[in-house]
Amino acid sequence: MSVREIEVADMSALESVICWDEERMKLEKETEALAAEEWEDGGGGEALVCSYERLDALDAAIAEKWAAEILFGLGFEKKMQAKKTRFFWCMANEN
C-alpha cells in the first residue's frame, strides 16, 4: 500500500478508506456501465462476466468490512467511522 492524503470532504472516514481502492472503484463503475449496456441492448455479456470475475478476485464484496477493520485497528470506533472527514481535519487544526 502506498501513502496518500485523503481530501477533506463530506464523506465519512469509512467512505474515504473505501475510495482509496481506486482499482476496485474503477472496476465497479466499469461493471455498472457494462451491466447497463447488457440491459439496454444485450451487448457486453462476455466483458461483464470478466468484470465480475475481476471484482471477485479483488474481494470487492467485502470492501466495507475491510475498510472498517482498518479504521478500527487505528482506534476508530464505529461511530467515529461514520463522521465526515471534515470533522477530523477541524480537530487536527485546533491544536
C-alpha atoms as a PDB file:
ATOM      1  CA  MET A   1       0.000   0.000   0.000  1.00  0.00           C
ATOM      2  CA  SER A   2       1.127   3.488  -0.685  1.00  0.00           C
ATOM      3  CA  VAL A   3       0.531   6.506   1.498  1.00  0.00           C
ATOM      4  CA  ARG A   4      -1.604   9.275   0.120  1.00  0.00           C
ATOM      5  CA  GLU A   5      -3.564  12.133   1.531  1.00  0.00           C
ATOM      6  CA  ILE A   6      -7.357  11.989   1.522  1.00  0.00           C
ATOM      7  CA  GLU A   7      -9.167  15.206   0.616  1.00  0.00           C
ATOM      8  CA  VAL A   8     -11.224  16.922   3.266  1.00  0.00           C
ATOM      9  CA  ALA A   9     -14.755  16.248   2.125  1.00  0.00           C
ATOM     10  CA  ASP A  10     -18.299  15.479   3.110  1.00  0.00           C
ATOM     11  CA  MET A  11     -17.641  11.754   3.013  1.00  0.00           C
ATOM     12  CA  SER A  12     -17.264   9.599   6.080  1.00  0.00           C
ATOM     13  CA  ALA A  13     -13.968   8.214   7.266  1.00  0.00           C
ATOM     14  CA  LEU A  14     -15.209   4.777   6.187  1.00  0.00           C
ATOM     15  CA  GLU A  15     -16.113   6.029   2.700  1.00  0.00           C
ATOM     16  CA  SER A  16     -12.730   7.697   2.319  1.00  0.00           C
ATOM     17  CA  VAL A  17     -10.909   4.427   3.070  1.00  0.00           C
ATOM     18  CA  ILE A  18     -13.160   2.548   0.646  1.00  0.00           C
ATOM     19  CA  CYS A  19     -12.472   5.170  -2.061  1.00  0.00           C
ATOM     20  CA  TRP A  20      -8.742   4.698  -1.580  1.00  0.00           C
ATOM     21  CA  ASP A  21      -9.066   1.430  -3.504  1.00  0.00           C
ATOM     22  CA  GLU A  22      -9.021   3.101  -6.917  1.00  0.00           C
ATOM     23  CA  GLU A  23      -8.766  -0.127  -8.906  1.00  0.00           C
ATOM     24  CA  ARG A  24     -11.896  -1.535  -7.293  1.00  0.00           C
ATOM     25  CA  MET A  25     -13.783   1.738  -7.686  1.00  0.00           C
ATOM     26  CA  LYS A  26     -12.889   1.950 -11.383  1.00  0.00           C
ATOM     27  CA  LEU A  27     -13.851  -1.678 -11.927  1.00  0.00           C
ATOM     28  CA  GLU A  28     -17.197  -1.220 -10.155  1.00  0.00           C
ATOM     29  CA  LYS A  29     -18.041   1.750 -12.418  1.00  0.00           C
ATOM     30  CA  GLU A  30     -16.969  -0.235 -15.483  1.00  0.00           C
ATOM     31  CA  THR A  31     -19.110  -3.186 -14.386  1.00  0.00           C
ATOM     32  CA  GLU A  32     -22.086  -0.910 -13.816  1.00  0.00           C
ATOM     33  CA  ALA A  33     -21.725   0.541 -17.332  1.00  0.00           C
ATOM     34  CA  LEU A  34     -21.410  -2.936 -18.866  1.00  0.00           C
ATOM     35  CA  ALA A  35     -24.489  -4.113 -16.964  1.00  0.00           C
ATOM     36  CA  ALA A  36     -26.460  -1.122 -18.279  1.00  0.00           C
ATOM     37  CA  GLU A  37     -25.276  -1.921 -21.810  1.00  0.00           C
ATOM     38  CA  GLU A  38     -26.308  -5.553 -21.344  1.00  0.00           C
ATOM     39  CA  TRP A  39     -29.723  -4.430 -20.101  1.00  0.00           C
ATOM     40  CA  GLU A  40     -30.302  -1.966 -22.948  1.00  0.00           C
ATOM     41  CA  ASP A  41     -29.151  -3.901 -25.996  1.00  0.00           C
ATOM     42  CA  GLY A  42     -27.906  -7.307 -24.897  1.00  0.00           C
ATOM     43  CA  GLY A  43     -24.258  -6.392 -25.535  1.00  0.00           C
ATOM     44  CA  GLY A  44     -21.253  -6.570 -23.237  1.00  0.00           C
ATOM     45  CA  GLY A  45     -22.049 -10.025 -21.856  1.00  0.00           C
ATOM     46  CA  GLU A  46     -18.560 -11.541 -22.039  1.00  0.00           C
ATOM     47  CA  ALA A  47     -16.876  -8.363 -20.836  1.00  0.00           C
ATOM     48  CA  LEU A  48     -19.407  -8.154 -17.993  1.00  0.00           C
ATOM     49  CA  VAL A  49     -18.576 -11.706 -16.887  1.00  0.00           C
ATOM     50  CA  CYS A  50     -14.843 -10.852 -16.940  1.00  0.00           C
ATOM     51  CA  SER A  51     -15.514  -7.704 -14.933  1.00  0.00           C
ATOM     52  CA  TYR A  52     -17.463  -9.632 -12.285  1.00  0.00           C
ATOM     53  CA  GLU A  53     -14.667 -12.208 -12.097  1.00  0.00           C
ATOM     54  CA  ARG A  54     -12.093  -9.453 -11.544  1.00  0.00           C
ATOM     55  CA  LEU A  55     -14.265  -7.936  -8.788  1.00  0.00           C
ATOM     56  CA  ASP A  56     -14.496 -11.351  -7.153  1.00  0.00           C
ATOM     57  CA  ALA A  57     -10.716 -11.702  -7.317  1.00  0.00           C
ATOM     58  CA  LEU A  58     -10.368  -8.332  -5.560  1.00  0.00           C
ATOM     59  CA  ASP A  59     -12.860  -9.375  -2.854  1.00  0.00           C
ATOM     60  CA  ALA A  60     -14.854  -6.255  -3.714  1.00  0.00           C
ATOM     61  CA  ALA A  61     -17.888  -7.541  -1.834  1.00  0.00           C
ATOM     62  CA  ILE A  62     -16.038  -7.160   1.474  1.00  0.00           C
ATOM     63  CA  ALA A  63     -14.518  -3.727   0.793  1.00  0.00           C
ATOM     64  CA  GLU A  64     -16.572  -2.027   3.504  1.00  0.00           C
ATOM     65  CA  LYS A  65     -15.718  -4.709   6.074  1.00  0.00           C
ATOM     66  CA  TRP A  66     -12.031  -4.419   5.156  1.00  0.00           C
ATOM     67  CA  ALA A  67     -12.119  -0.617   5.488  1.00  0.00           C
ATOM     68  CA  ALA A  68     -13.941  -0.822   8.841  1.00  0.00           C
ATOM     69  CA  GLU A  69     -11.327  -3.249  10.167  1.00  0.00           C
ATOM     70  CA  ILE A  70      -8.506  -0.915   9.131  1.00  0.00           C
ATOM     71  CA  LEU A  71     -10.160   2.049  10.835  1.00  0.00           C
ATOM     72  CA  PHE A  72     -10.972   0.006  13.952  1.00  0.00           C
ATOM     73  CA  GLY A  73      -7.322  -1.040  14.130  1.00  0.00           C
ATOM     74  CA  LEU A  74      -6.426   2.649  14.086  1.00  0.00           C
ATOM     75  CA  GLY A  75      -8.734   3.315  17.036  1.00  0.00           C
ATOM     76  CA  PHE A  76     -11.855   4.447  15.146  1.00  0.00           C
ATOM     77  CA  GLU A  77     -14.979   3.147  16.879  1.00  0.00           C
ATOM     78  CA  LYS A  78     -17.989   2.528  14.617  1.00  0.00           C
ATOM     79  CA  LYS A  79     -19.485   5.940  15.463  1.00  0.00           C
ATOM     80  CA  MET A  80     -16.227   7.712  14.529  1.00  0.00           C
ATOM     81  CA  GLN A  81     -16.037   5.800  11.234  1.00  0.00           C
ATOM     82  CA  ALA A  82     -19.307   7.464  10.191  1.00  0.00           C
ATOM     83  CA  LYS A  83     -18.064  11.021  10.883  1.00  0.00           C
ATOM     84  CA  LYS A  84     -17.202  13.203   7.913  1.00  0.00           C
ATOM     85  CA  THR A  85     -13.510  13.648   7.129  1.00  0.00           C
ATOM     86  CA  ARG A  86     -14.067  17.394   7.548  1.00  0.00           C
ATOM     87  CA  PHE A  87     -14.585  16.690  11.292  1.00  0.00           C
ATOM     88  CA  PHE A  88     -11.110  15.156  11.627  1.00  0.00           C
ATOM     89  CA  TRP A  89      -9.486  17.976   9.677  1.00  0.00           C
ATOM     90  CA  CYS A  90     -11.084  20.524  12.045  1.00  0.00           C
ATOM     91  CA  MET A  91      -9.892  18.529  15.084  1.00  0.00           C
ATOM     92  CA  ALA A  92      -6.342  18.386  13.750  1.00  0.00           C
ATOM     93  CA  ASN A  93      -6.229  22.119  13.094  1.00  0.00           C
ATOM     94  CA  GLU A  94      -7.478  23.077  16.559  1.00  0.00           C
ATOM     95  CA  ASN A  95      -4.145  22.075  18.111  1.00  0.00           C
END
